[in-house]
């Protein structure tokens, strides 16, 4: 019933609030990326599936705590959480 009501009448969203949230998330992402580049000591793309493991494991020497299905060192969310706890970053 609720879903039918929302589908029929829609749901009001305040664009200003969405814009503020987007701006905040962009700032958080930018700050996090800048911190990762600072730790690495050079520019790289933290969102790159090739750059991130190279920096984490080859350059910074972080321990490999998991692997992907293909056997490559994992950079998934759970591994990153474990590394944060272990490395005190």
N, C-alpha and C. Protein backbone atom coordinates (compact mmCIF):
# COMPACT_ATOMS: atom_id res chain seq x y z
N UNK A 1 0.82 -1.19 0.00
CA UNK A 1 0.00 0.00 0.00
C UNK A 1 0.87 1.26 0.00
N UNK A 2 1.90 1.27 0.86
CA UNK A 2 2.78 2.44 0.93
C UNK A 2 3.51 2.62 -0.39
N UNK A 3 4.01 1.52 -0.95
CA UNK A 3 4.74 1.59 -2.21
C UNK A 3 3.82 2.09 -3.32
N UNK A 4 2.61 1.61 -3.35
CA UNK A 4 1.64 2.06 -4.36
C UNK A 4 1.38 3.55 -4.21
N UNK A 5 1.25 4.02 -2.98
CA UNK A 5 1.03 5.45 -2.73
C UNK A 5 2.21 6.26 -3.25
N UNK A 6 3.44 5.81 -2.91
CA UNK A 6 4.62 6.54 -3.36
C UNK A 6 4.75 6.51 -4.88
N UNK A 7 4.44 5.39 -5.49
CA UNK A 7 4.50 5.31 -6.94
C UNK A 7 3.50 6.25 -7.59
N UNK A 8 2.33 6.35 -6.99
CA UNK A 8 1.30 7.20 -7.58
C UNK A 8 1.57 8.68 -7.33
N UNK A 9 1.90 9.04 -6.08
CA UNK A 9 2.06 10.44 -5.71
C UNK A 9 3.51 10.92 -5.75
N UNK A 10 4.42 9.99 -5.80
CA UNK A 10 5.84 10.36 -5.81
C UNK A 10 6.35 10.61 -4.40
N UNK A 11 7.59 11.00 -4.33
CA UNK A 11 8.23 11.28 -3.05
C UNK A 11 8.96 12.60 -3.18
N UNK A 12 8.64 13.52 -2.28
CA UNK A 12 9.26 14.83 -2.36
C UNK A 12 10.69 14.80 -1.83
N UNK A 13 11.56 15.37 -2.59
CA UNK A 13 12.97 15.45 -2.20
C UNK A 13 13.40 16.91 -2.33
N UNK A 14 14.12 17.37 -1.31
CA UNK A 14 14.63 18.74 -1.36
C UNK A 14 15.98 18.72 -2.07
N UNK A 15 16.01 19.33 -3.23
CA UNK A 15 17.22 19.36 -4.05
C UNK A 15 18.40 19.97 -3.29
N UNK A 16 18.14 20.97 -2.49
CA UNK A 16 19.21 21.62 -1.73
C UNK A 16 19.90 20.63 -0.78
N UNK A 17 19.09 19.77 -0.16
CA UNK A 17 19.67 18.78 0.76
C UNK A 17 20.49 17.74 0.00
N UNK A 18 20.00 17.32 -1.15
CA UNK A 18 20.75 16.36 -1.97
C UNK A 18 22.06 17.00 -2.44
N UNK A 19 22.00 18.24 -2.89
CA UNK A 19 23.21 18.94 -3.33
C UNK A 19 24.23 19.06 -2.20
N UNK A 20 23.76 19.35 -0.98
CA UNK A 20 24.65 19.47 0.17
C UNK A 20 25.31 18.12 0.48
N UNK A 21 24.55 17.04 0.41
CA UNK A 21 25.10 15.71 0.66
C UNK A 21 26.13 15.33 -0.40
N UNK A 22 25.83 15.64 -1.66
CA UNK A 22 26.77 15.34 -2.74
C UNK A 22 28.07 16.11 -2.53
N UNK A 23 27.95 17.39 -2.19
CA UNK A 23 29.14 18.21 -1.96
C UNK A 23 29.97 17.64 -0.81
N UNK A 24 29.31 17.24 0.26
CA UNK A 24 30.02 16.67 1.40
C UNK A 24 30.74 15.37 1.03
N UNK A 25 30.06 14.50 0.28
CA UNK A 25 30.68 13.24 -0.13
C UNK A 25 31.87 13.47 -1.07
N UNK A 26 31.76 14.43 -1.96
CA UNK A 26 32.87 14.76 -2.86
C UNK A 26 34.07 15.24 -2.06
N UNK A 27 33.83 16.07 -1.04
CA UNK A 27 34.92 16.56 -0.20
C UNK A 27 35.58 15.42 0.58
N UNK A 28 34.76 14.51 1.11
CA UNK A 28 35.30 13.37 1.85
C UNK A 28 36.16 12.50 0.93
N UNK A 29 35.67 12.23 -0.27
CA UNK A 29 36.42 11.42 -1.23
C UNK A 29 37.72 12.11 -1.61
N UNK A 30 37.67 13.40 -1.86
CA UNK A 30 38.86 14.14 -2.24
C UNK A 30 39.91 14.12 -1.13
N UNK A 31 39.46 14.30 0.10
CA UNK A 31 40.37 14.27 1.25
C UNK A 31 41.00 12.89 1.40
N UNK A 32 40.19 11.84 1.24
CA UNK A 32 40.72 10.47 1.35
C UNK A 32 41.73 10.19 0.25
N UNK A 33 41.42 10.57 -0.98
CA UNK A 33 42.36 10.36 -2.09
C UNK A 33 43.65 11.12 -1.86
N UNK A 34 43.56 12.36 -1.38
CA UNK A 34 44.76 13.15 -1.11
C UNK A 34 45.63 12.49 -0.04
N UNK A 35 44.98 11.93 0.97
CA UNK A 35 45.73 11.24 2.03
C UNK A 35 46.44 10.01 1.49
N UNK A 36 45.76 9.26 0.61
CA UNK A 36 46.38 8.06 0.03
C UNK A 36 47.58 8.43 -0.85
N UNK A 37 47.44 9.49 -1.62
CA UNK A 37 48.55 9.94 -2.47
C UNK A 37 49.72 10.41 -1.60
N UNK A 38 49.41 11.08 -0.50
CA UNK A 38 50.47 11.54 0.41
C UNK A 38 51.21 10.35 1.02
N UNK A 39 50.48 9.33 1.44
CA UNK A 39 51.11 8.15 2.01
C UNK A 39 51.99 7.45 0.97
N UNK A 40 51.49 7.39 -0.28
CA UNK A 40 52.25 6.72 -1.35
C UNK A 40 53.49 7.53 -1.73
N UNK A 41 53.42 8.84 -1.58
CA UNK A 41 54.56 9.68 -1.94
C UNK A 41 54.61 10.08 -3.40
N UNK A 42 53.56 9.75 -4.15
CA UNK A 42 53.48 10.13 -5.56
C UNK A 42 52.03 10.02 -6.02
N UNK A 43 51.75 10.66 -7.14
CA UNK A 43 50.39 10.60 -7.69
C UNK A 43 50.08 9.21 -8.21
N UNK A 44 48.86 8.77 -7.93
CA UNK A 44 48.33 7.54 -8.50
C UNK A 44 46.82 7.60 -8.37
N UNK A 45 46.13 6.70 -9.01
CA UNK A 45 44.68 6.68 -8.97
C UNK A 45 44.23 5.61 -7.97
N UNK A 46 43.79 6.02 -6.78
CA UNK A 46 43.36 5.06 -5.78
C UNK A 46 42.15 4.22 -6.22
N UNK A 47 41.41 4.68 -7.22
CA UNK A 47 40.26 3.92 -7.70
C UNK A 47 40.65 2.89 -8.75
N UNK A 48 41.91 2.89 -9.17
CA UNK A 48 42.36 1.97 -10.20
C UNK A 48 42.63 0.59 -9.62
N UNK A 49 42.03 -0.47 -10.20
CA UNK A 49 42.28 -1.82 -9.70
C UNK A 49 43.71 -2.29 -9.95
N UNK A 50 44.46 -1.57 -10.77
CA UNK A 50 45.87 -1.91 -10.97
C UNK A 50 46.78 -1.07 -10.08
N UNK A 51 46.48 0.23 -9.95
CA UNK A 51 47.33 1.12 -9.16
C UNK A 51 47.27 0.81 -7.67
N UNK A 52 46.07 0.60 -7.14
CA UNK A 52 45.94 0.44 -5.69
C UNK A 52 46.72 -0.76 -5.15
N UNK A 53 46.59 -1.95 -5.72
CA UNK A 53 47.38 -3.06 -5.16
C UNK A 53 48.88 -2.88 -5.36
N UNK A 54 49.28 -2.25 -6.47
CA UNK A 54 50.71 -2.00 -6.69
C UNK A 54 51.26 -1.12 -5.58
N UNK A 55 50.54 -0.05 -5.26
CA UNK A 55 51.00 0.86 -4.21
C UNK A 55 50.95 0.18 -2.85
N UNK A 56 49.83 -0.47 -2.56
CA UNK A 56 49.67 -1.09 -1.24
C UNK A 56 50.69 -2.18 -0.97
N UNK A 57 50.84 -3.10 -1.92
CA UNK A 57 51.63 -4.29 -1.64
C UNK A 57 53.08 -4.19 -2.11
N UNK A 58 53.30 -3.66 -3.30
CA UNK A 58 54.67 -3.59 -3.82
C UNK A 58 55.44 -2.41 -3.24
N UNK A 59 54.81 -1.23 -3.23
CA UNK A 59 55.54 -0.03 -2.81
C UNK A 59 55.54 0.17 -1.29
N UNK A 60 54.40 -0.05 -0.65
CA UNK A 60 54.32 0.19 0.79
C UNK A 60 54.57 -1.07 1.61
N UNK A 61 54.62 -2.22 0.95
CA UNK A 61 54.93 -3.47 1.63
C UNK A 61 53.88 -3.94 2.62
N UNK A 62 52.63 -3.58 2.41
CA UNK A 62 51.57 -4.04 3.30
C UNK A 62 51.41 -5.55 3.16
N UNK A 63 51.06 -6.21 4.24
CA UNK A 63 50.89 -7.67 4.16
C UNK A 63 49.67 -8.04 3.32
N UNK A 64 49.79 -9.11 2.58
CA UNK A 64 48.67 -9.60 1.77
C UNK A 64 47.79 -10.45 2.67
N UNK A 65 46.58 -9.95 2.94
CA UNK A 65 45.68 -10.63 3.86
C UNK A 65 44.56 -11.37 3.16
N UNK A 66 44.53 -11.28 1.85
CA UNK A 66 43.50 -11.98 1.09
C UNK A 66 43.85 -11.95 -0.38
N UNK A 67 43.26 -12.86 -1.12
CA UNK A 67 43.50 -12.91 -2.56
C UNK A 67 42.18 -12.99 -3.29
N UNK A 68 42.21 -12.56 -4.54
CA UNK A 68 41.03 -12.64 -5.39
C UNK A 68 40.90 -14.06 -5.92
N UNK A 69 39.82 -14.31 -6.66
CA UNK A 69 39.62 -15.64 -7.25
C UNK A 69 40.74 -16.01 -8.22
N UNK A 70 41.39 -14.99 -8.81
CA UNK A 70 42.47 -15.25 -9.76
C UNK A 70 43.83 -15.36 -9.07
N UNK A 71 43.85 -15.17 -7.75
CA UNK A 71 45.11 -15.30 -7.01
C UNK A 71 45.84 -13.99 -6.80
N UNK A 72 45.31 -12.90 -7.31
CA UNK A 72 45.94 -11.58 -7.12
C UNK A 72 45.66 -11.08 -5.70
N UNK A 73 46.56 -10.27 -5.14
CA UNK A 73 46.31 -9.71 -3.82
C UNK A 73 45.02 -8.89 -3.82
N UNK A 74 44.20 -9.10 -2.81
CA UNK A 74 42.90 -8.43 -2.74
C UNK A 74 43.01 -7.04 -2.14
N UNK A 75 42.18 -6.15 -2.62
CA UNK A 75 42.05 -4.81 -2.04
C UNK A 75 40.59 -4.56 -1.68
N UNK A 76 39.82 -5.62 -1.45
CA UNK A 76 38.40 -5.43 -1.17
C UNK A 76 38.19 -4.79 0.21
N UNK A 77 36.96 -4.47 0.50
CA UNK A 77 36.61 -3.73 1.71
C UNK A 77 37.08 -4.44 2.98
N UNK A 78 36.87 -5.74 3.06
CA UNK A 78 37.25 -6.48 4.26
C UNK A 78 38.76 -6.48 4.47
N UNK A 79 39.51 -6.64 3.39
CA UNK A 79 40.98 -6.61 3.49
C UNK A 79 41.44 -5.23 3.92
N UNK A 80 40.85 -4.19 3.35
CA UNK A 80 41.24 -2.82 3.74
C UNK A 80 40.95 -2.56 5.21
N UNK A 81 39.81 -3.06 5.71
CA UNK A 81 39.50 -2.90 7.13
C UNK A 81 40.55 -3.58 8.00
N UNK A 82 40.92 -4.81 7.63
CA UNK A 82 41.94 -5.54 8.39
C UNK A 82 43.28 -4.81 8.36
N UNK A 83 43.64 -4.29 7.19
CA UNK A 83 44.91 -3.57 7.07
C UNK A 83 44.90 -2.30 7.92
N UNK A 84 43.78 -1.60 7.97
CA UNK A 84 43.69 -0.41 8.81
C UNK A 84 43.91 -0.76 10.27
N UNK A 85 43.37 -1.86 10.71
CA UNK A 85 43.56 -2.30 12.11
C UNK A 85 45.01 -2.70 12.36
N UNK A 86 45.58 -3.43 11.41
CA UNK A 86 46.94 -3.97 11.58
C UNK A 86 48.01 -2.89 11.43
N UNK A 87 47.84 -2.01 10.45
CA UNK A 87 48.87 -1.03 10.13
C UNK A 87 48.73 0.27 10.90
N UNK A 88 47.62 0.46 11.61
CA UNK A 88 47.36 1.71 12.34
C UNK A 88 47.48 2.93 11.45
N UNK A 89 46.87 2.85 10.28
CA UNK A 89 46.90 3.98 9.34
C UNK A 89 45.81 4.94 9.72
